[in-house]
PDB file of N, CA and C in Angstrom:
ATOM      1  N   UNK A   1      -9.041   8.280  -2.709  1.00  0.00           N
ATOM      2  CA  UNK A   1      -8.511   6.926  -2.693  1.00  0.00           C
ATOM      3  C   UNK A   1      -9.291   6.064  -3.693  1.00  0.00           C
ATOM      4  N   UNK A   2      -8.562   5.195  -4.315  1.00  0.00           N
ATOM      5  CA  UNK A   2      -9.158   4.184  -5.180  1.00  0.00           C
ATOM      6  C   UNK A   2      -9.470   2.975  -4.318  1.00  0.00           C
ATOM      7  N   UNK A   3     -10.659   2.442  -4.470  1.00  0.00           N
ATOM      8  CA  UNK A   3     -11.039   1.258  -3.691  1.00  0.00           C
ATOM      9  C   UNK A   3     -10.206   0.066  -4.148  1.00  0.00           C
ATOM     10  N   UNK A   4      -9.608  -0.636  -3.194  1.00  0.00           N
ATOM     11  CA  UNK A   4      -8.813  -1.828  -3.481  1.00  0.00           C
ATOM     12  C   UNK A   4      -9.764  -2.960  -3.850  1.00  0.00           C
ATOM     13  N   UNK A   5      -9.494  -3.650  -4.957  1.00  0.00           N
ATOM     14  CA  UNK A   5     -10.412  -4.684  -5.441  1.00  0.00           C
ATOM     15  C   UNK A   5     -10.460  -5.921  -4.554  1.00  0.00           C
ATOM     16  N   UNK A   6      -9.416  -6.217  -3.800  1.00  0.00           N
ATOM     17  CA  UNK A   6      -9.418  -7.307  -2.831  1.00  0.00           C
ATOM     18  C   UNK A   6      -9.907  -8.621  -3.443  1.00  0.00           C
ATOM     19  N   UNK A   7      -9.227  -9.055  -4.485  1.00  0.00           N
ATOM     20  CA  UNK A   7      -9.634 -10.267  -5.187  1.00  0.00           C
ATOM     21  C   UNK A   7      -9.543 -11.519  -4.329  1.00  0.00           C
ATOM     22  N   UNK A   8      -8.706 -11.508  -3.302  1.00  0.00           N
ATOM     23  CA  UNK A   8      -8.617 -12.670  -2.415  1.00  0.00           C
ATOM     24  C   UNK A   8      -9.779 -12.713  -1.433  1.00  0.00           C
ATOM     25  N   UNK A   9     -10.407 -11.557  -1.193  1.00  0.00           N
ATOM     26  CA  UNK A   9     -11.557 -11.497  -0.306  1.00  0.00           C
ATOM     27  C   UNK A   9     -11.241 -11.312   1.162  1.00  0.00           C
ATOM     28  N   UNK A  10      -9.971 -11.311   1.532  1.00  0.00           N
ATOM     29  CA  UNK A  10      -9.641 -11.212   2.950  1.00  0.00           C
ATOM     30  C   UNK A  10      -8.522 -10.209   3.245  1.00  0.00           C
ATOM     31  N   UNK A  11      -8.352  -9.233   2.389  1.00  0.00           N
ATOM     32  CA  UNK A  11      -7.272  -8.259   2.569  1.00  0.00           C
ATOM     33  C   UNK A  11      -7.611  -7.239   3.648  1.00  0.00           C
ATOM     34  N   UNK A  12      -6.584  -6.762   4.320  1.00  0.00           N
ATOM     35  CA  UNK A  12      -6.748  -5.673   5.276  1.00  0.00           C
ATOM     36  C   UNK A  12      -6.666  -4.309   4.625  1.00  0.00           C
ATOM     37  N   UNK A  13      -6.471  -4.266   3.305  1.00  0.00           N
ATOM     38  CA  UNK A  13      -6.383  -3.007   2.571  1.00  0.00           C
ATOM     39  C   UNK A  13      -7.768  -2.617   2.068  1.00  0.00           C
ATOM     40  N   UNK A  14      -8.127  -1.359   2.294  1.00  0.00           N
ATOM     41  CA  UNK A  14      -9.413  -0.833   1.832  1.00  0.00           C
ATOM     42  C   UNK A  14      -9.248   0.002   0.561  1.00  0.00           C
ATOM     43  N   UNK A  15      -8.176   0.793   0.491  1.00  0.00           N
ATOM     44  CA  UNK A  15      -7.991   1.660  -0.663  1.00  0.00           C
ATOM     45  C   UNK A  15      -6.545   2.093  -0.804  1.00  0.00           C
ATOM     46  N   UNK A  16      -6.262   2.746  -1.922  1.00  0.00           N
ATOM     47  CA  UNK A  16      -4.897   3.205  -2.191  1.00  0.00           C
ATOM     48  C   UNK A  16      -4.933   4.415  -3.121  1.00  0.00           C
ATOM     49  N   UNK A  17      -3.854   5.149  -3.116  1.00  0.00           N
ATOM     50  CA  UNK A  17      -3.671   6.269  -4.034  1.00  0.00           C
ATOM     51  C   UNK A  17      -2.234   6.211  -4.530  1.00  0.00           C
ATOM     52  N   UNK A  18      -2.071   6.065  -5.841  1.00  0.00           N
ATOM     53  CA  UNK A  18      -0.745   6.024  -6.430  1.00  0.00           C
ATOM     54  C   UNK A  18      -0.305   7.439  -6.759  1.00  0.00           C
ATOM     55  N   UNK A  19       0.907   7.757  -6.335  1.00  0.00           N
ATOM     56  CA  UNK A  19       1.522   9.049  -6.604  1.00  0.00           C
ATOM     57  C   UNK A  19       2.883   8.785  -7.244  1.00  0.00           C
ATOM     58  N   UNK A  20       3.494   9.801  -7.859  1.00  0.00           N
ATOM     59  CA  UNK A  20       4.829   9.587  -8.404  1.00  0.00           C
ATOM     60  C   UNK A  20       5.793   9.172  -7.281  1.00  0.00           C
ATOM     61  N   UNK A  21       6.399   8.025  -7.426  1.00  0.00           N
ATOM     62  CA  UNK A  21       7.353   7.480  -6.469  1.00  0.00           C
ATOM     63  C   UNK A  21       6.787   7.313  -5.059  1.00  0.00           C
ATOM     64  N   UNK A  22       5.481   7.057  -4.966  1.00  0.00           N
ATOM     65  CA  UNK A  22       4.854   6.884  -3.651  1.00  0.00           C
ATOM     66  C   UNK A  22       3.510   6.174  -3.813  1.00  0.00           C
ATOM     67  N   UNK A  23       3.035   5.655  -2.698  1.00  0.00           N
ATOM     68  CA  UNK A  23       1.683   5.091  -2.644  1.00  0.00           C
ATOM     69  C   UNK A  23       1.133   5.316  -1.241  1.00  0.00           C
ATOM     70  N   UNK A  24      -0.085   5.790  -1.178  1.00  0.00           N
ATOM     71  CA  UNK A  24      -0.803   5.913   0.087  1.00  0.00           C
ATOM     72  C   UNK A  24      -1.745   4.718   0.181  1.00  0.00           C
ATOM     73  N   UNK A  25      -1.795   4.104   1.346  1.00  0.00           N
ATOM     74  CA  UNK A  25      -2.620   2.910   1.545  1.00  0.00           C
ATOM     75  C   UNK A  25      -3.539   3.134   2.732  1.00  0.00           C
ATOM     76  N   UNK A  26      -4.819   2.844   2.545  1.00  0.00           N
ATOM     77  CA  UNK A  26      -5.794   2.890   3.641  1.00  0.00           C
ATOM     78  C   UNK A  26      -6.145   1.453   4.020  1.00  0.00           C
ATOM     79  N   UNK A  27      -6.046   1.161   5.314  1.00  0.00           N
ATOM     80  CA  UNK A  27      -6.354  -0.174   5.810  1.00  0.00           C
ATOM     81  C   UNK A  27      -7.789  -0.228   6.331  1.00  0.00           C
ATOM     82  N   UNK A  28      -8.276  -1.423   6.578  1.00  0.00           N
ATOM     83  CA  UNK A  28      -9.657  -1.642   6.996  1.00  0.00           C
ATOM     84  C   UNK A  28     -10.011  -0.901   8.283  1.00  0.00           C
ATOM     85  N   UNK A  29      -9.028  -0.664   9.145  1.00  0.00           N
ATOM     86  CA  UNK A  29      -9.294   0.052  10.401  1.00  0.00           C
ATOM     87  C   UNK A  29      -9.335   1.565  10.225  1.00  0.00           C
ATOM     88  N   UNK A  30      -9.164   2.038   8.991  1.00  0.00           N
ATOM     89  CA  UNK A  30      -9.214   3.469   8.701  1.00  0.00           C
ATOM     90  C   UNK A  30      -7.863   4.159   8.737  1.00  0.00           C
ATOM     91  N   UNK A  31      -6.834   3.483   9.207  1.00  0.00           N
ATOM     92  CA  UNK A  31      -5.505   4.097   9.238  1.00  0.00           C
ATOM     93  C   UNK A  31      -4.964   4.212   7.817  1.00  0.00           C
ATOM     94  N   UNK A  32      -4.190   5.260   7.585  1.00  0.00           N
ATOM     95  CA  UNK A  32      -3.596   5.494   6.279  1.00  0.00           C
ATOM     96  C   UNK A  32      -2.096   5.694   6.435  1.00  0.00           C
ATOM     97  N   UNK A  33      -1.356   5.122   5.494  1.00  0.00           N
ATOM     98  CA  UNK A  33       0.093   5.204   5.504  1.00  0.00           C
ATOM     99  C   UNK A  33       0.573   5.659   4.138  1.00  0.00           C
ATOM    100  N   UNK A  34       1.607   6.491   4.139  1.00  0.00           N
ATOM    101  CA  UNK A  34       2.244   6.906   2.902  1.00  0.00           C
ATOM    102  C   UNK A  34       3.613   6.242   2.841  1.00  0.00           C
ATOM    103  N   UNK A  35       3.823   5.463   1.807  1.00  0.00           N
ATOM    104  CA  UNK A  35       5.111   4.825   1.545  1.00  0.00           C
ATOM    105  C   UNK A  35       5.737   5.542   0.355  1.00  0.00           C
ATOM    106  N   UNK A  36       6.997   5.932   0.470  1.00  0.00           N
ATOM    107  CA  UNK A  36       7.673   6.659  -0.595  1.00  0.00           C
ATOM    108  C   UNK A  36       8.936   5.916  -1.019  1.00  0.00           C
ATOM    109  N   UNK A  37       9.447   6.297  -2.177  1.00  0.00           N
ATOM    110  CA  UNK A  37      10.707   5.714  -2.640  1.00  0.00           C
ATOM    111  C   UNK A  37      11.819   6.025  -1.651  1.00  0.00           C
ATOM    112  N   UNK A  38      11.762   7.186  -1.020  1.00  0.00           N
ATOM    113  CA  UNK A  38      12.788   7.548  -0.038  1.00  0.00           C
ATOM    114  C   UNK A  38      12.677   6.720   1.235  1.00  0.00           C
ATOM    115  N   UNK A  39      11.468   6.352   1.636  1.00  0.00           N
ATOM    116  CA  UNK A  39      11.301   5.615   2.889  1.00  0.00           C
ATOM    117  C   UNK A  39      11.391   4.103   2.721  1.00  0.00           C
ATOM    118  N   UNK A  40      10.929   3.580   1.598  1.00  0.00           N
ATOM    119  CA  UNK A  40      10.851   2.125   1.413  1.00  0.00           C
ATOM    120  C   UNK A  40      11.716   1.599   0.268  1.00  0.00           C
ATOM    121  N   UNK A  41      12.152   2.482  -0.612  1.00  0.00           N
ATOM    122  CA  UNK A  41      12.930   2.074  -1.780  1.00  0.00           C
ATOM    123  C   UNK A  41      12.068   2.070  -3.031  1.00  0.00           C
ATOM    124  N   UNK A  42      12.651   2.488  -4.130  1.00  0.00           N
ATOM    125  CA  UNK A  42      11.912   2.613  -5.385  1.00  0.00           C
ATOM    126  C   UNK A  42      11.340   1.285  -5.865  1.00  0.00           C
ATOM    127  N   UNK A  43      12.102   0.196  -5.749  1.00  0.00           N
ATOM    128  CA  UNK A  43      11.609  -1.103  -6.208  1.00  0.00           C
ATOM    129  C   UNK A  43      10.413  -1.574  -5.392  1.00  0.00           C
ATOM    130  N   UNK A  44      10.445  -1.326  -4.102  1.00  0.00           N
ATOM    131  CA  UNK A  44       9.327  -1.703  -3.235  1.00  0.00           C
ATOM    132  C   UNK A  44       8.077  -0.918  -3.629  1.00  0.00           C
ATOM    133  N   UNK A  45       8.224   0.375  -3.860  1.00  0.00           N
ATOM    134  CA  UNK A  45       7.072   1.209  -4.243  1.00  0.00           C
ATOM    135  C   UNK A  45       6.502   0.753  -5.575  1.00  0.00           C
ATOM    136  N   UNK A  46       7.358   0.474  -6.542  1.00  0.00           N
ATOM    137  CA  UNK A  46       6.879   0.000  -7.845  1.00  0.00           C
ATOM    138  C   UNK A  46       6.082  -1.295  -7.703  1.00  0.00           C
ATOM    139  N   UNK A  47       6.560  -2.200  -6.881  1.00  0.00           N
ATOM    140  CA  UNK A  47       5.851  -3.471  -6.671  1.00  0.00           C
ATOM    141  C   UNK A  47       4.521  -3.243  -5.957  1.00  0.00           C
ATOM    142  N   UNK A  48       4.519  -2.365  -4.945  1.00  0.00           N
ATOM    143  CA  UNK A  48       3.276  -2.057  -4.237  1.00  0.00           C
ATOM    144  C   UNK A  48       2.253  -1.430  -5.184  1.00  0.00           C
ATOM    145  N   UNK A  49       2.694  -0.553  -6.055  1.00  0.00           N
ATOM    146  CA  UNK A  49       1.790   0.077  -7.017  1.00  0.00           C
ATOM    147  C   UNK A  49       1.196  -0.965  -7.964  1.00  0.00           C
ATOM    148  N   UNK A  50       2.022  -1.891  -8.418  1.00  0.00           N
ATOM    149  CA  UNK A  50       1.537  -2.944  -9.310  1.00  0.00           C
ATOM    150  C   UNK A  50       0.530  -3.850  -8.608  1.00  0.00           C
ATOM    151  N   UNK A  51       0.829  -4.237  -7.374  1.00  0.00           N
ATOM    152  CA  UNK A  51      -0.094  -5.084  -6.620  1.00  0.00           C
ATOM    153  C   UNK A  51      -1.401  -4.365  -6.322  1.00  0.00           C
ATOM    154  N   UNK A  52      -1.329  -3.080  -6.005  1.00  0.00           N
ATOM    155  CA  UNK A  52      -2.546  -2.303  -5.748  1.00  0.00           C
ATOM    156  C   UNK A  52      -3.429  -2.273  -6.991  1.00  0.00           C
ATOM    157  N   UNK A  53      -2.819  -2.024  -8.135  1.00  0.00           N
ATOM    158  CA  UNK A  53      -3.582  -1.989  -9.389  1.00  0.00           C
ATOM    159  C   UNK A  53      -4.174  -3.341  -9.736  1.00  0.00           C
ATOM    160  N   UNK A  54      -3.439  -4.412  -9.416  1.00  0.00           N
ATOM    161  CA  UNK A  54      -3.917  -5.764  -9.700  1.00  0.00           C
ATOM    162  C   UNK A  54      -5.016  -6.201  -8.736  1.00  0.00           C
ATOM    163  N   UNK A  55      -5.072  -5.595  -7.537  1.00  0.00           N
ATOM    164  CA  UNK A  55      -6.117  -5.934  -6.574  1.00  0.00           C
ATOM    165  C   UNK A  55      -5.850  -7.179  -5.763  1.00  0.00           C
ATOM    166  N   UNK A  56      -4.597  -7.602  -5.707  1.00  0.00           N
ATOM    167  CA  UNK A  56      -4.291  -8.832  -4.969  1.00  0.00           C
ATOM    168  C   UNK A  56      -2.852  -8.814  -4.463  1.00  0.00           C
ATOM    169  N   UNK A  57      -2.657  -9.172  -3.192  1.00  0.00           N
ATOM    170  CA  UNK A  57      -1.323  -9.359  -2.643  1.00  0.00           C
ATOM    171  C   UNK A  57      -0.698  -8.155  -1.962  1.00  0.00           C
ATOM    172  N   UNK A  58      -1.370  -7.021  -1.938  1.00  0.00           N
ATOM    173  CA  UNK A  58      -0.764  -5.811  -1.396  1.00  0.00           C
ATOM    174  C   UNK A  58      -0.511  -5.902   0.107  1.00  0.00           C
ATOM    175  N   UNK A  59      -1.480  -6.321   0.882  1.00  0.00           N
ATOM    176  CA  UNK A  59      -1.303  -6.387   2.340  1.00  0.00           C
ATOM    177  C   UNK A  59      -0.184  -7.358   2.719  1.00  0.00           C
ATOM    178  N   UNK A  60      -0.135  -8.496   2.069  1.00  0.00           N
ATOM    179  CA  UNK A  60       0.922  -9.469   2.348  1.00  0.00           C
ATOM    180  C   UNK A  60       2.283  -8.885   2.008  1.00  0.00           C
ATOM    181  N   UNK A  61       2.379  -8.223   0.875  1.00  0.00           N
ATOM    182  CA  UNK A  61       3.651  -7.618   0.479  1.00  0.00           C
ATOM    183  C   UNK A  61       4.088  -6.549   1.478  1.00  0.00           C
ATOM    184  N   UNK A  62       3.166  -5.711   1.902  1.00  0.00           N
ATOM    185  CA  UNK A  62       3.496  -4.680   2.886  1.00  0.00           C
ATOM    186  C   UNK A  62       4.001  -5.334   4.165  1.00  0.00           C
ATOM    187  N   UNK A  63       3.326  -6.349   4.643  1.00  0.00           N
ATOM    188  CA  UNK A  63       3.741  -7.034   5.872  1.00  0.00           C
ATOM    189  C   UNK A  63       5.140  -7.629   5.759  1.00  0.00           C
ATOM    190  N   UNK A  64       5.483  -8.119   4.601  1.00  0.00           N
ATOM    191  CA  UNK A  64       6.774  -8.787   4.422  1.00  0.00           C
ATOM    192  C   UNK A  64       7.920  -7.847   4.055  1.00  0.00           C
ATOM    193  N   UNK A  65       7.614  -6.752   3.343  1.00  0.00           N
ATOM    194  CA  UNK A  65       8.689  -5.949   2.759  1.00  0.00           C
ATOM    195  C   UNK A  65       8.686  -4.468   3.122  1.00  0.00           C
ATOM    196  N   UNK A  66       7.592  -3.948   3.636  1.00  0.00           N
ATOM    197  CA  UNK A  66       7.525  -2.496   3.846  1.00  0.00           C
ATOM    198  C   UNK A  66       6.832  -2.100   5.133  1.00  0.00           C
ATOM    199  N   UNK A  67       6.618  -3.030   6.021  1.00  0.00           N
ATOM    200  CA  UNK A  67       5.789  -2.815   7.209  1.00  0.00           C
ATOM    201  C   UNK A  67       6.076  -1.503   7.927  1.00  0.00           C
ATOM    202  N   UNK A  68       7.292  -1.279   8.339  1.00  0.00           N
ATOM    203  CA  UNK A  68       7.635  -0.063   9.081  1.00  0.00           C
ATOM    204  C   UNK A  68       8.333   0.990   8.228  1.00  0.00           C
ATOM    205  N   UNK A  69       8.342   0.808   6.923  1.00  0.00           N
ATOM    206  CA  UNK A  69       9.070   1.702   6.020  1.00  0.00           C
ATOM    207  C   UNK A  69       8.185   2.825   5.467  1.00  0.00           C
ATOM    208  N   UNK A  70       7.239   3.279   6.250  1.00  0.00           N
ATOM    209  CA  UNK A  70       6.359   4.353   5.787  1.00  0.00           C
ATOM    210  C   UNK A  70       6.961   5.712   6.129  1.00  0.00           C
ATOM    211  N   UNK A  71       6.567   6.696   5.335  1.00  0.00           N
ATOM    212  CA  UNK A  71       7.040   8.063   5.543  1.00  0.00           C
ATOM    213  C   UNK A  71       6.108   8.844   6.449  1.00  0.00           C
ATOM    214  N   UNK A  72       4.822   8.466   6.432  1.00  0.00           N
ATOM    215  CA  UNK A  72       3.822   9.192   7.216  1.00  0.00           C
ATOM    216  C   UNK A  72       2.653   8.273   7.532  1.00  0.00           C
ATOM    217  N   UNK A  73       2.036   8.517   8.689  1.00  0.00           N
ATOM    218  CA  UNK A  73       0.862   7.738   9.098  1.00  0.00           C
ATOM    219  C   UNK A  73      -0.236   8.681   9.537  1.00  0.00           C
ATOM    220  N   UNK A  74      -1.472   8.385   9.118  1.00  0.00           N
ATOM    221  CA  UNK A  74      -2.659   9.094   9.586  1.00  0.00           C
ATOM    222  C   UNK A  74      -3.569   8.075  10.249  1.00  0.00           C
ATOM    223  N   UNK A  75      -4.256   8.472  11.289  1.00  0.00           N
ATOM    224  CA  UNK A  75      -5.215   7.551  11.916  1.00  0.00           C
ATOM    225  C   UNK A  75      -6.594   8.149  11.930  1.00  0.00           C
TER     226      UNK A  75
END
């Protein structure tokens, strides 16, 4: 996982891994979720990947647009 830069200072995201048409996200509680183009939509994944790389806005975007649209969850 790549450490999330958390430029806002208060994100619940700890890290992420960008994959082709997917993104895995690790939250502060240690849970990990895989979001895919098939589960959340290609446009949503592209936006999540951009926000992850930018280090800002990922947790808010997930809460608003992809909250339950994950393909897999690890705890």
